């Protein structure tokens, strides 16, 4: 049974996601529109948001293994940015979800 998971994946130390970021961001609407990702965003090392630390997701999946397989399809993993061994995933029960619009996301599904 698929459930919603709170997922964090850290970037490998010393990597720079800047070159891959446009493709990563462009791929987000497809995952959202398929009903896999319900929220996603960067996590940072600093409050000024100048140094990336990794990524945070809410993902619909049956298992942590399914989450890992999903993450392995991302340009950040394929380009050696994400430390796939660092993935933290916990089932989550969302009590409230506020919308944030993104170009390409079909909000009528939510």
PDB file of N, CA and C in Angstrom:
ATOM      1  N   UNK A   1       0.845  -1.181   0.000  1.00  0.00           N
ATOM      2  CA  UNK A   1       0.000   0.000   0.000  1.00  0.00           C
ATOM      3  C   UNK A   1       0.894   1.250   0.000  1.00  0.00           C
ATOM      4  N   UNK A   2       0.634   2.147  -0.901  1.00  0.00           N
ATOM      5  CA  UNK A   2       1.417   3.379  -0.984  1.00  0.00           C
ATOM      6  C   UNK A   2       0.979   4.340   0.114  1.00  0.00           C
ATOM      7  N   UNK A   3       1.963   4.952   0.747  1.00  0.00           N
ATOM      8  CA  UNK A   3       1.726   5.959   1.775  1.00  0.00           C
ATOM      9  C   UNK A   3       2.625   7.157   1.503  1.00  0.00           C
ATOM     10  N   UNK A   4       2.400   8.232   2.246  1.00  0.00           N
ATOM     11  CA  UNK A   4       3.226   9.424   2.086  1.00  0.00           C
ATOM     12  C   UNK A   4       4.406   9.362   3.054  1.00  0.00           C
ATOM     13  N   UNK A   5       5.570   9.723   2.546  1.00  0.00           N
ATOM     14  CA  UNK A   5       6.818   9.684   3.302  1.00  0.00           C
ATOM     15  C   UNK A   5       7.451  11.075   3.337  1.00  0.00           C
ATOM     16  N   UNK A   6       8.053  11.405   4.455  1.00  0.00           N
ATOM     17  CA  UNK A   6       8.908  12.585   4.569  1.00  0.00           C
ATOM     18  C   UNK A   6      10.319  12.104   4.266  1.00  0.00           C
ATOM     19  N   UNK A   7      10.944  12.671   3.252  1.00  0.00           N
ATOM     20  CA  UNK A   7      12.232  12.175   2.764  1.00  0.00           C
ATOM     21  C   UNK A   7      13.244  13.305   2.724  1.00  0.00           C
ATOM     22  N   UNK A   8      14.435  13.022   3.218  1.00  0.00           N
ATOM     23  CA  UNK A   8      15.568  13.937   3.115  1.00  0.00           C
ATOM     24  C   UNK A   8      16.727  13.177   2.481  1.00  0.00           C
ATOM     25  N   UNK A   9      17.371  13.804   1.516  1.00  0.00           N
ATOM     26  CA  UNK A   9      18.591  13.246   0.919  1.00  0.00           C
ATOM     27  C   UNK A   9      19.620  14.381   0.882  1.00  0.00           C
ATOM     28  N   UNK A  10      20.794  14.100   1.421  1.00  0.00           N
ATOM     29  CA  UNK A  10      21.845  15.113   1.489  1.00  0.00           C
ATOM     30  C   UNK A  10      22.726  15.080   0.253  1.00  0.00           C
ATOM     31  N   UNK A  11      23.295  16.239  -0.076  1.00  0.00           N
ATOM     32  CA  UNK A  11      24.295  16.319  -1.128  1.00  0.00           C
ATOM     33  C   UNK A  11      25.614  15.773  -0.592  1.00  0.00           C
ATOM     34  N   UNK A  12      26.410  15.195  -1.482  1.00  0.00           N
ATOM     35  CA  UNK A  12      27.743  14.744  -1.094  1.00  0.00           C
ATOM     36  C   UNK A  12      28.596  15.977  -0.797  1.00  0.00           C
ATOM     37  N   UNK A  13      29.454  15.894   0.209  1.00  0.00           N
ATOM     38  CA  UNK A  13      30.316  17.039   0.534  1.00  0.00           C
ATOM     39  C   UNK A  13      31.150  17.457  -0.680  1.00  0.00           C
ATOM     40  N   UNK A  14      31.264  18.755  -0.862  1.00  0.00           N
ATOM     41  CA  UNK A  14      32.107  19.300  -1.920  1.00  0.00           C
ATOM     42  C   UNK A  14      31.494  19.281  -3.308  1.00  0.00           C
ATOM     43  N   UNK A  15      30.240  18.826  -3.443  1.00  0.00           N
ATOM     44  CA  UNK A  15      29.614  18.831  -4.763  1.00  0.00           C
ATOM     45  C   UNK A  15      28.901  20.154  -5.001  1.00  0.00           C
ATOM     46  N   UNK A  16      28.684  20.449  -6.275  1.00  0.00           N
ATOM     47  CA  UNK A  16      28.001  21.683  -6.660  1.00  0.00           C
ATOM     48  C   UNK A  16      26.846  21.332  -7.597  1.00  0.00           C
ATOM     49  N   UNK A  17      25.639  21.549  -7.137  1.00  0.00           N
ATOM     50  CA  UNK A  17      24.453  21.186  -7.909  1.00  0.00           C
ATOM     51  C   UNK A  17      24.058  22.235  -8.938  1.00  0.00           C
ATOM     52  N   UNK A  18      24.758  23.349  -8.993  1.00  0.00           N
ATOM     53  CA  UNK A  18      24.360  24.482  -9.830  1.00  0.00           C
ATOM     54  C   UNK A  18      24.121  24.098 -11.288  1.00  0.00           C
ATOM     55  N   UNK A  19      25.026  23.347 -11.899  1.00  0.00           N
ATOM     56  CA  UNK A  19      24.894  23.008 -13.319  1.00  0.00           C
ATOM     57  C   UNK A  19      23.707  22.088 -13.583  1.00  0.00           C
ATOM     58  N   UNK A  20      23.359  21.224 -12.628  1.00  0.00           N
ATOM     59  CA  UNK A  20      22.260  20.264 -12.795  1.00  0.00           C
ATOM     60  C   UNK A  20      20.910  20.826 -12.376  1.00  0.00           C
ATOM     61  N   UNK A  21      20.925  21.916 -11.625  1.00  0.00           N
ATOM     62  CA  UNK A  21      19.702  22.419 -11.004  1.00  0.00           C
ATOM     63  C   UNK A  21      18.583  22.742 -11.997  1.00  0.00           C
ATOM     64  N   UNK A  22      18.878  23.401 -13.143  1.00  0.00           N
ATOM     65  CA  UNK A  22      17.772  23.695 -14.069  1.00  0.00           C
ATOM     66  C   UNK A  22      17.032  22.429 -14.527  1.00  0.00           C
ATOM     67  N   UNK A  23      17.756  21.350 -14.809  1.00  0.00           N
ATOM     68  CA  UNK A  23      17.105  20.110 -15.232  1.00  0.00           C
ATOM     69  C   UNK A  23      16.319  19.491 -14.079  1.00  0.00           C
ATOM     70  N   UNK A  24      16.902  19.512 -12.879  1.00  0.00           N
ATOM     71  CA  UNK A  24      16.208  18.979 -11.703  1.00  0.00           C
ATOM     72  C   UNK A  24      14.875  19.703 -11.497  1.00  0.00           C
ATOM     73  N   UNK A  25      14.901  21.016 -11.533  1.00  0.00           N
ATOM     74  CA  UNK A  25      13.688  21.816 -11.320  1.00  0.00           C
ATOM     75  C   UNK A  25      12.684  21.570 -12.450  1.00  0.00           C
ATOM     76  N   UNK A  26      13.162  21.451 -13.685  1.00  0.00           N
ATOM     77  CA  UNK A  26      12.273  21.203 -14.821  1.00  0.00           C
ATOM     78  C   UNK A  26      11.567  19.853 -14.715  1.00  0.00           C
ATOM     79  N   UNK A  27      12.169  18.892 -14.023  1.00  0.00           N
ATOM     80  CA  UNK A  27      11.586  17.558 -13.888  1.00  0.00           C
ATOM     81  C   UNK A  27      10.554  17.454 -12.754  1.00  0.00           C
ATOM     82  N   UNK A  28      10.501  18.430 -11.886  1.00  0.00           N
ATOM     83  CA  UNK A  28       9.598  18.372 -10.736  1.00  0.00           C
ATOM     84  C   UNK A  28       8.122  18.266 -11.136  1.00  0.00           C
ATOM     85  N   UNK A  29       7.619  19.101 -12.056  1.00  0.00           N
ATOM     86  CA  UNK A  29       6.186  19.016 -12.376  1.00  0.00           C
ATOM     87  C   UNK A  29       5.735  17.615 -12.817  1.00  0.00           C
ATOM     88  N   UNK A  30       6.562  16.916 -13.549  1.00  0.00           N
ATOM     89  CA  UNK A  30       6.184  15.575 -14.010  1.00  0.00           C
ATOM     90  C   UNK A  30       5.958  14.640 -12.816  1.00  0.00           C
ATOM     91  N   UNK A  31       6.845  14.670 -11.834  1.00  0.00           N
ATOM     92  CA  UNK A  31       6.704  13.809 -10.653  1.00  0.00           C
ATOM     93  C   UNK A  31       5.493  14.209  -9.823  1.00  0.00           C
ATOM     94  N   UNK A  32       5.212  15.503  -9.744  1.00  0.00           N
ATOM     95  CA  UNK A  32       4.036  15.978  -9.003  1.00  0.00           C
ATOM     96  C   UNK A  32       2.759  15.572  -9.743  1.00  0.00           C
ATOM     97  N   UNK A  33       2.728  15.813 -11.047  1.00  0.00           N
ATOM     98  CA  UNK A  33       1.536  15.502 -11.835  1.00  0.00           C
ATOM     99  C   UNK A  33       1.240  14.006 -11.886  1.00  0.00           C
ATOM    100  N   UNK A  34       2.249  13.170 -11.708  1.00  0.00           N
ATOM    101  CA  UNK A  34       2.048  11.718 -11.655  1.00  0.00           C
ATOM    102  C   UNK A  34       1.550  11.263 -10.282  1.00  0.00           C
ATOM    103  N   UNK A  35       1.530  12.179  -9.307  1.00  0.00           N
ATOM    104  CA  UNK A  35       1.069  11.819  -7.974  1.00  0.00           C
ATOM    105  C   UNK A  35       2.134  11.168  -7.108  1.00  0.00           C
ATOM    106  N   UNK A  36       3.402  11.278  -7.497  1.00  0.00           N
ATOM    107  CA  UNK A  36       4.498  10.688  -6.721  1.00  0.00           C
ATOM    108  C   UNK A  36       4.987  11.668  -5.661  1.00  0.00           C
ATOM    109  N   UNK A  37       5.172  12.919  -6.044  1.00  0.00           N
ATOM    110  CA  UNK A  37       5.705  13.939  -5.155  1.00  0.00           C
ATOM    111  C   UNK A  37       4.583  14.901  -4.776  1.00  0.00           C
ATOM    112  N   UNK A  38       4.414  15.141  -3.472  1.00  0.00           N
ATOM    113  CA  UNK A  38       3.381  16.081  -3.014  1.00  0.00           C
ATOM    114  C   UNK A  38       3.981  17.394  -2.540  1.00  0.00           C
ATOM    115  N   UNK A  39       5.272  17.394  -2.220  1.00  0.00           N
ATOM    116  CA  UNK A  39       6.004  18.638  -1.965  1.00  0.00           C
ATOM    117  C   UNK A  39       7.488  18.341  -2.100  1.00  0.00           C
ATOM    118  N   UNK A  40       8.241  19.381  -2.442  1.00  0.00           N
ATOM    119  CA  UNK A  40       9.672  19.197  -2.681  1.00  0.00           C
ATOM    120  C   UNK A  40      10.374  20.540  -2.571  1.00  0.00           C
ATOM    121  N   UNK A  41      11.601  20.522  -2.131  1.00  0.00           N
ATOM    122  CA  UNK A  41      12.390  21.743  -2.069  1.00  0.00           C
ATOM    123  C   UNK A  41      13.795  21.471  -1.567  1.00  0.00           C
ATOM    124  N   UNK A  42      14.629  22.456  -1.727  1.00  0.00           N
ATOM    125  CA  UNK A  42      16.013  22.360  -1.265  1.00  0.00           C
ATOM    126  C   UNK A  42      16.080  22.535   0.240  1.00  0.00           C
ATOM    127  N   UNK A  43      17.099  21.942   0.845  1.00  0.00           N
ATOM    128  CA  UNK A  43      17.454  22.258   2.227  1.00  0.00           C
ATOM    129  C   UNK A  43      18.828  22.910   2.177  1.00  0.00           C
ATOM    130  N   UNK A  44      19.069  23.776   3.135  1.00  0.00           N
ATOM    131  CA  UNK A  44      20.264  24.609   3.115  1.00  0.00           C
ATOM    132  C   UNK A  44      21.101  24.428   4.378  1.00  0.00           C
ATOM    133  N   UNK A  45      22.364  24.790   4.263  1.00  0.00           N
ATOM    134  CA  UNK A  45      23.272  24.763   5.409  1.00  0.00           C
ATOM    135  C   UNK A  45      23.160  26.020   6.255  1.00  0.00           C
ATOM    136  N   UNK A  46      22.600  27.079   5.667  1.00  0.00           N
ATOM    137  CA  UNK A  46      22.575  28.379   6.349  1.00  0.00           C
ATOM    138  C   UNK A  46      21.207  29.049   6.184  1.00  0.00           C
ATOM    139  N   UNK A  47      20.872  29.900   7.118  1.00  0.00           N
ATOM    140  CA  UNK A  47      19.571  30.568   7.076  1.00  0.00           C
ATOM    141  C   UNK A  47      19.458  31.570   5.925  1.00  0.00           C
ATOM    142  N   UNK A  48      20.567  32.016   5.397  1.00  0.00           N
ATOM    143  CA  UNK A  48      20.537  32.926   4.249  1.00  0.00           C
ATOM    144  C   UNK A  48      20.251  32.180   2.942  1.00  0.00           C
ATOM    145  N   UNK A  49      20.244  30.855   2.999  1.00  0.00           N
ATOM    146  CA  UNK A  49      19.979  29.992   1.851  1.00  0.00           C
ATOM    147  C   UNK A  49      20.994  30.206   0.732  1.00  0.00           C
ATOM    148  N   UNK A  50      22.269  30.238   1.108  1.00  0.00           N
ATOM    149  CA  UNK A  50      23.324  30.412   0.117  1.00  0.00           C
ATOM    150  C   UNK A  50      24.097  29.120  -0.147  1.00  0.00           C
ATOM    151  N   UNK A  51      23.966  28.124   0.741  1.00  0.00           N
ATOM    152  CA  UNK A  51      24.714  26.865   0.601  1.00  0.00           C
ATOM    153  C   UNK A  51      23.744  25.690   0.685  1.00  0.00           C
ATOM    154  N   UNK A  52      23.622  24.962  -0.424  1.00  0.00           N
ATOM    155  CA  UNK A  52      22.732  23.802  -0.443  1.00  0.00           C
ATOM    156  C   UNK A  52      23.270  22.697   0.465  1.00  0.00           C
ATOM    157  N   UNK A  53      22.348  22.004   1.124  1.00  0.00           N
ATOM    158  CA  UNK A  53      22.704  20.844   1.944  1.00  0.00           C
ATOM    159  C   UNK A  53      22.114  19.569   1.348  1.00  0.00           C
ATOM    160  N   UNK A  54      21.010  19.692   0.611  1.00  0.00           N
ATOM    161  CA  UNK A  54      20.342  18.524   0.052  1.00  0.00           C
ATOM    162  C   UNK A  54      18.936  18.883  -0.373  1.00  0.00           C
ATOM    163  N   UNK A  55      18.057  17.872  -0.345  1.00  0.00           N
ATOM    164  CA  UNK A  55      16.682  18.059  -0.791  1.00  0.00           C
ATOM    165  C   UNK A  55      15.717  17.388   0.176  1.00  0.00           C
ATOM    166  N   UNK A  56      14.514  17.948   0.267  1.00  0.00           N
ATOM    167  CA  UNK A  56      13.453  17.388   1.098  1.00  0.00           C
ATOM    168  C   UNK A  56      12.234  17.153   0.217  1.00  0.00           C
ATOM    169  N   UNK A  57      11.560  16.039   0.439  1.00  0.00           N
ATOM    170  CA  UNK A  57      10.397  15.644  -0.341  1.00  0.00           C
ATOM    171  C   UNK A  57       9.303  15.126   0.574  1.00  0.00           C
ATOM    172  N   UNK A  58       8.089  15.166   0.081  1.00  0.00           N
ATOM    173  CA  UNK A  58       7.012  14.298   0.527  1.00  0.00           C
ATOM    174  C   UNK A  58       6.725  13.450  -0.705  1.00  0.00           C
ATOM    175  N   UNK A  59       6.879  12.139  -0.556  1.00  0.00           N
ATOM    176  CA  UNK A  59       6.775  11.202  -1.676  1.00  0.00           C
ATOM    177  C   UNK A  59       5.748  10.125  -1.339  1.00  0.00           C
ATOM    178  N   UNK A  60       4.923   9.788  -2.318  1.00  0.00           N
ATOM    179  CA  UNK A  60       3.987   8.672  -2.187  1.00  0.00           C
ATOM    180  C   UNK A  60       4.699   7.423  -2.703  1.00  0.00           C
ATOM    181  N   UNK A  61       4.884   6.440  -1.817  1.00  0.00           N
ATOM    182  CA  UNK A  61       5.591   5.207  -2.188  1.00  0.00           C
ATOM    183  C   UNK A  61       5.181   4.082  -1.249  1.00  0.00           C
ATOM    184  N   UNK A  62       5.494   2.874  -1.649  1.00  0.00           N
ATOM    185  CA  UNK A  62       5.170   1.712  -0.819  1.00  0.00           C
ATOM    186  C   UNK A  62       6.275   1.383   0.170  1.00  0.00           C
ATOM    187  N   UNK A  63       7.515   1.773  -0.148  1.00  0.00           N
ATOM    188  CA  UNK A  63       8.636   1.387   0.715  1.00  0.00           C
ATOM    189  C   UNK A  63       9.812   2.347   0.535  1.00  0.00           C
ATOM    190  N   UNK A  64      10.750   2.261   1.459  1.00  0.00           N
ATOM    191  CA  UNK A  64      11.966   3.070   1.336  1.00  0.00           C
ATOM    192  C   UNK A  64      12.730   2.661   0.075  1.00  0.00           C
ATOM    193  N   UNK A  65      12.679   1.391  -0.263  1.00  0.00           N
ATOM    194  CA  UNK A  65      13.361   0.927  -1.475  1.00  0.00           C
ATOM    195  C   UNK A  65      12.762   1.591  -2.721  1.00  0.00           C
ATOM    196  N   UNK A  66      11.449   1.760  -2.748  1.00  0.00           N
ATOM    197  CA  UNK A  66      10.813   2.451  -3.874  1.00  0.00           C
ATOM    198  C   UNK A  66      11.243   3.921  -3.927  1.00  0.00           C
ATOM    199  N   UNK A  67      11.403   4.524  -2.763  1.00  0.00           N
ATOM    200  CA  UNK A  67      11.868   5.912  -2.692  1.00  0.00           C
ATOM    201  C   UNK A  67      13.269   6.024  -3.279  1.00  0.00           C
ATOM    202  N   UNK A  68      14.149   5.103  -2.884  1.00  0.00           N
ATOM    203  CA  UNK A  68      15.529   5.109  -3.396  1.00  0.00           C
ATOM    204  C   UNK A  68      15.525   4.977  -4.918  1.00  0.00           C
ATOM    205  N   UNK A  69      14.710   4.077  -5.441  1.00  0.00           N
ATOM    206  CA  UNK A  69      14.640   3.901  -6.896  1.00  0.00           C
ATOM    207  C   UNK A  69      14.148   5.169  -7.584  1.00  0.00           C
ATOM    208  N   UNK A  70      13.172   5.843  -6.992  1.00  0.00           N
ATOM    209  CA  UNK A  70      12.694   7.110  -7.538  1.00  0.00           C
ATOM    210  C   UNK A  70      13.820   8.145  -7.551  1.00  0.00           C
ATOM    211  N   UNK A  71      14.533   8.273  -6.441  1.00  0.00           N
ATOM    212  CA  UNK A  71      15.612   9.253  -6.345  1.00  0.00           C
ATOM    213  C   UNK A  71      16.737   8.969  -7.333  1.00  0.00           C
ATOM    214  N   UNK A  72      16.985   7.720  -7.626  1.00  0.00           N
ATOM    215  CA  UNK A  72      18.053   7.343  -8.562  1.00  0.00           C
ATOM    216  C   UNK A  72      17.753   7.769  -9.997  1.00  0.00           C
ATOM    217  N   UNK A  73      16.506   8.137 -10.280  1.00  0.00           N
ATOM    218  CA  UNK A  73      16.146   8.615 -11.620  1.00  0.00           C
ATOM    219  C   UNK A  73      16.431  10.107 -11.791  1.00  0.00           C
ATOM    220  N   UNK A  74      16.774  10.791 -10.713  1.00  0.00           N
ATOM    221  CA  UNK A  74      16.974  12.242 -10.732  1.00  0.00           C
ATOM    222  C   UNK A  74      18.373  12.609 -11.230  1.00  0.00           C
ATOM    223  N   UNK A  75      18.459  13.743 -11.890  1.00  0.00           N
ATOM    224  CA  UNK A  75      19.726  14.246 -12.418  1.00  0.00           C
ATOM    225  C   UNK A  75      20.753  14.476 -11.293  1.00  0.00           C
ATOM    226  N   UNK A  76      20.303  14.816 -10.099  1.00  0.00           N
ATOM    227  CA  UNK A  76      21.257  15.009  -9.002  1.00  0.00           C
ATOM    228  C   UNK A  76      21.950  13.697  -8.639  1.00  0.00           C
ATOM    229  N   UNK A  77      21.212  12.614  -8.623  1.00  0.00           N
ATOM    230  CA  UNK A  77      21.832  11.315  -8.347  1.00  0.00           C
ATOM    231  C   UNK A  77      22.741  10.917  -9.512  1.00  0.00           C
ATOM    232  N   UNK A  78      22.225  11.034 -10.724  1.00  0.00           N
ATOM    233  CA  UNK A  78      22.974  10.607 -11.907  1.00  0.00           C
ATOM    234  C   UNK A  78      24.278  11.382 -12.088  1.00  0.00           C
ATOM    235  N   UNK A  79      24.346  12.603 -11.541  1.00  0.00           N
ATOM    236  CA  UNK A  79      25.555  13.417 -11.663  1.00  0.00           C
ATOM    237  C   UNK A  79      26.381  13.431 -10.381  1.00  0.00           C
ATOM    238  N   UNK A  80      26.101  12.507  -9.474  1.00  0.00           N
ATOM    239  CA  UNK A  80      26.926  12.351  -8.282  1.00  0.00           C
ATOM    240  C   UNK A  80      26.731  13.413  -7.223  1.00  0.00           C
ATOM    241  N   UNK A  81      25.611  14.111  -7.251  1.00  0.00           N
ATOM    242  CA  UNK A  81      25.354  15.163  -6.261  1.00  0.00           C
ATOM    243  C   UNK A  81      24.782  14.564  -4.972  1.00  0.00           C
ATOM    244  N   UNK A  82      23.724  13.775  -5.100  1.00  0.00           N
ATOM    245  CA  UNK A  82      23.080  13.228  -3.908  1.00  0.00           C
ATOM    246  C   UNK A  82      23.854  12.056  -3.328  1.00  0.00           C
ATOM    247  N   UNK A  83      23.958  12.024  -2.023  1.00  0.00           N
ATOM    248  CA  UNK A  83      24.507  10.883  -1.292  1.00  0.00           C
ATOM    249  C   UNK A  83      23.343   9.949  -0.980  1.00  0.00           C
ATOM    250  N   UNK A  84      23.109   8.993  -1.855  1.00  0.00           N
ATOM    251  CA  UNK A  84      21.936   8.123  -1.742  1.00  0.00           C
ATOM    252  C   UNK A  84      21.965   7.305  -0.443  1.00  0.00           C
ATOM    253  N   UNK A  85      23.145   7.116   0.125  1.00  0.00           N
ATOM    254  CA  UNK A  85      23.253   6.386   1.397  1.00  0.00           C
ATOM    255  C   UNK A  85      22.795   7.233   2.582  1.00  0.00           C
ATOM    256  N   UNK A  86      22.571   8.525   2.353  1.00  0.00           N
ATOM    257  CA  UNK A  86      22.163   9.423   3.438  1.00  0.00           C
ATOM    258  C   UNK A  86      20.648   9.564   3.555  1.00  0.00           C
ATOM    259  N   UNK A  87      19.892   8.894   2.696  1.00  0.00           N
ATOM    260  CA  UNK A  87      18.440   9.086   2.656  1.00  0.00           C
ATOM    261  C   UNK A  87      17.799   8.755   4.003  1.00  0.00           C
ATOM    262  N   UNK A  88      16.994   9.698   4.469  1.00  0.00           N
ATOM    263  CA  UNK A  88      16.178   9.510   5.663  1.00  0.00           C
ATOM    264  C   UNK A  88      14.733   9.521   5.179  1.00  0.00           C
ATOM    265  N   UNK A  89      13.961   8.489   5.543  1.00  0.00           N
ATOM    266  CA  UNK A  89      12.565   8.409   5.102  1.00  0.00           C
ATOM    267  C   UNK A  89      11.699   7.891   6.240  1.00  0.00           C
ATOM    268  N   UNK A  90      10.655   8.655   6.542  1.00  0.00           N
ATOM    269  CA  UNK A  90       9.704   8.279   7.584  1.00  0.00           C
ATOM    270  C   UNK A  90       8.285   8.452   7.058  1.00  0.00           C
ATOM    271  N   UNK A  91       7.388   7.510   7.377  1.00  0.00           N
ATOM    272  CA  UNK A  91       5.985   7.728   7.044  1.00  0.00           C
ATOM    273  C   UNK A  91       5.504   9.004   7.723  1.00  0.00           C
ATOM    274  N   UNK A  92       4.630   9.730   7.033  1.00  0.00           N
ATOM    275  CA  UNK A  92       4.157  11.012   7.561  1.00  0.00           C
ATOM    276  C   UNK A  92       2.640  11.094   7.422  1.00  0.00           C
ATOM    277  N   UNK A  93       2.030  11.739   8.383  1.00  0.00           N
ATOM    278  CA  UNK A  93       0.611  12.040   8.313  1.00  0.00           C
ATOM    279  C   UNK A  93       0.456  13.546   8.257  1.00  0.00           C
ATOM    280  N   UNK A  94       0.135  14.071   7.104  1.00  0.00           N
ATOM    281  CA  UNK A  94       0.037  15.516   6.921  1.00  0.00           C
ATOM    282  C   UNK A  94      -1.310  16.004   7.451  1.00  0.00           C
ATOM    283  N   UNK A  95      -1.276  16.927   8.393  1.00  0.00           N
ATOM    284  CA  UNK A  95      -2.502  17.476   8.972  1.00  0.00           C
ATOM    285  C   UNK A  95      -3.023  18.663   8.167  1.00  0.00           C
ATOM    286  N   UNK A  96      -2.123  19.370   7.499  1.00  0.00           N
ATOM    287  CA  UNK A  96      -2.507  20.534   6.710  1.00  0.00           C
ATOM    288  C   UNK A  96      -1.470  20.721   5.611  1.00  0.00           C
ATOM    289  N   UNK A  97      -1.930  21.113   4.429  1.00  0.00           N
ATOM    290  CA  UNK A  97      -1.010  21.363   3.319  1.00  0.00           C
ATOM    291  C   UNK A  97      -1.447  22.649   2.636  1.00  0.00           C
ATOM    292  N   UNK A  98      -0.582  23.630   2.627  1.00  0.00           N
ATOM    293  CA  UNK A  98      -0.885  24.889   1.954  1.00  0.00           C
ATOM    294  C   UNK A  98      -0.302  24.847   0.547  1.00  0.00           C
ATOM    295  N   UNK A  99      -1.019  25.353  -0.427  1.00  0.00           N
ATOM    296  CA  UNK A  99      -0.522  25.288  -1.798  1.00  0.00           C
ATOM    297  C   UNK A  99       0.559  26.331  -2.078  1.00  0.00           C
ATOM    298  N   UNK A 100       1.500  25.935  -2.893  1.00  0.00           N
ATOM    299  CA  UNK A 100       2.473  26.858  -3.465  1.00  0.00           C
ATOM    300  C   UNK A 100       2.524  26.523  -4.951  1.00  0.00           C
ATOM    301  N   UNK A 101       2.263  27.482  -5.797  1.00  0.00           N
ATOM    302  CA  UNK A 101       2.169  27.230  -7.226  1.00  0.00           C
ATOM    303  C   UNK A 101       3.553  27.089  -7.855  1.00  0.00           C
ATOM    304  N   UNK A 102       3.613  26.231  -8.897  1.00  0.00           N
ATOM    305  CA  UNK A 102       4.826  26.050  -9.682  1.00  0.00           C
ATOM    306  C   UNK A 102       4.408  25.856 -11.128  1.00  0.00           C
ATOM    307  N   UNK A 103       5.059  26.532 -12.036  1.00  0.00           N
ATOM    308  CA  UNK A 103       4.758  26.377 -13.455  1.00  0.00           C
ATOM    309  C   UNK A 103       4.867  24.907 -13.840  1.00  0.00           C
ATOM    310  N   UNK A 104       3.885  24.431 -14.579  1.00  0.00           N
ATOM    311  CA  UNK A 104       3.893  23.060 -15.061  1.00  0.00           C
ATOM    312  C   UNK A 104       3.165  22.069 -14.172  1.00  0.00           C
ATOM    313  N   UNK A 105       2.829  22.462 -12.961  1.00  0.00           N
ATOM    314  CA  UNK A 105       2.115  21.568 -12.038  1.00  0.00           C
ATOM    315  C   UNK A 105       0.616  21.762 -12.217  1.00  0.00           C
ATOM    316  N   UNK A 106      -0.083  20.654 -12.408  1.00  0.00           N
ATOM    317  CA  UNK A 106      -1.533  20.676 -12.579  1.00  0.00           C
ATOM    318  C   UNK A 106      -2.186  20.666 -11.194  1.00  0.00           C
ATOM    319  N   UNK A 107      -2.503  21.841 -10.671  1.00  0.00           N
ATOM    320  CA  UNK A 107      -3.054  21.983  -9.329  1.00  0.00           C
ATOM    321  C   UNK A 107      -4.467  21.445  -9.213  1.00  0.00           C
ATOM    322  N   UNK A 108      -5.119  21.180 -10.317  1.00  0.00           N
ATOM    323  CA  UNK A 108      -6.500  20.667 -10.253  1.00  0.00           C
ATOM    324  C   UNK A 108      -6.552  19.252  -9.672  1.00  0.00           C
ATOM    325  N   UNK A 109      -5.423  18.569  -9.603  1.00  0.00           N
ATOM    326  CA  UNK A 109      -5.366  17.202  -9.080  1.00  0.00           C
ATOM    327  C   UNK A 109      -5.320  17.170  -7.560  1.00  0.00           C
ATOM    328  N   UNK A 110      -5.209  18.338  -6.929  1.00  0.00           N
ATOM    329  CA  UNK A 110      -5.008  18.352  -5.481  1.00  0.00           C
ATOM    330  C   UNK A 110      -6.150  19.029  -4.760  1.00  0.00           C
TER     331      UNK A 110
END
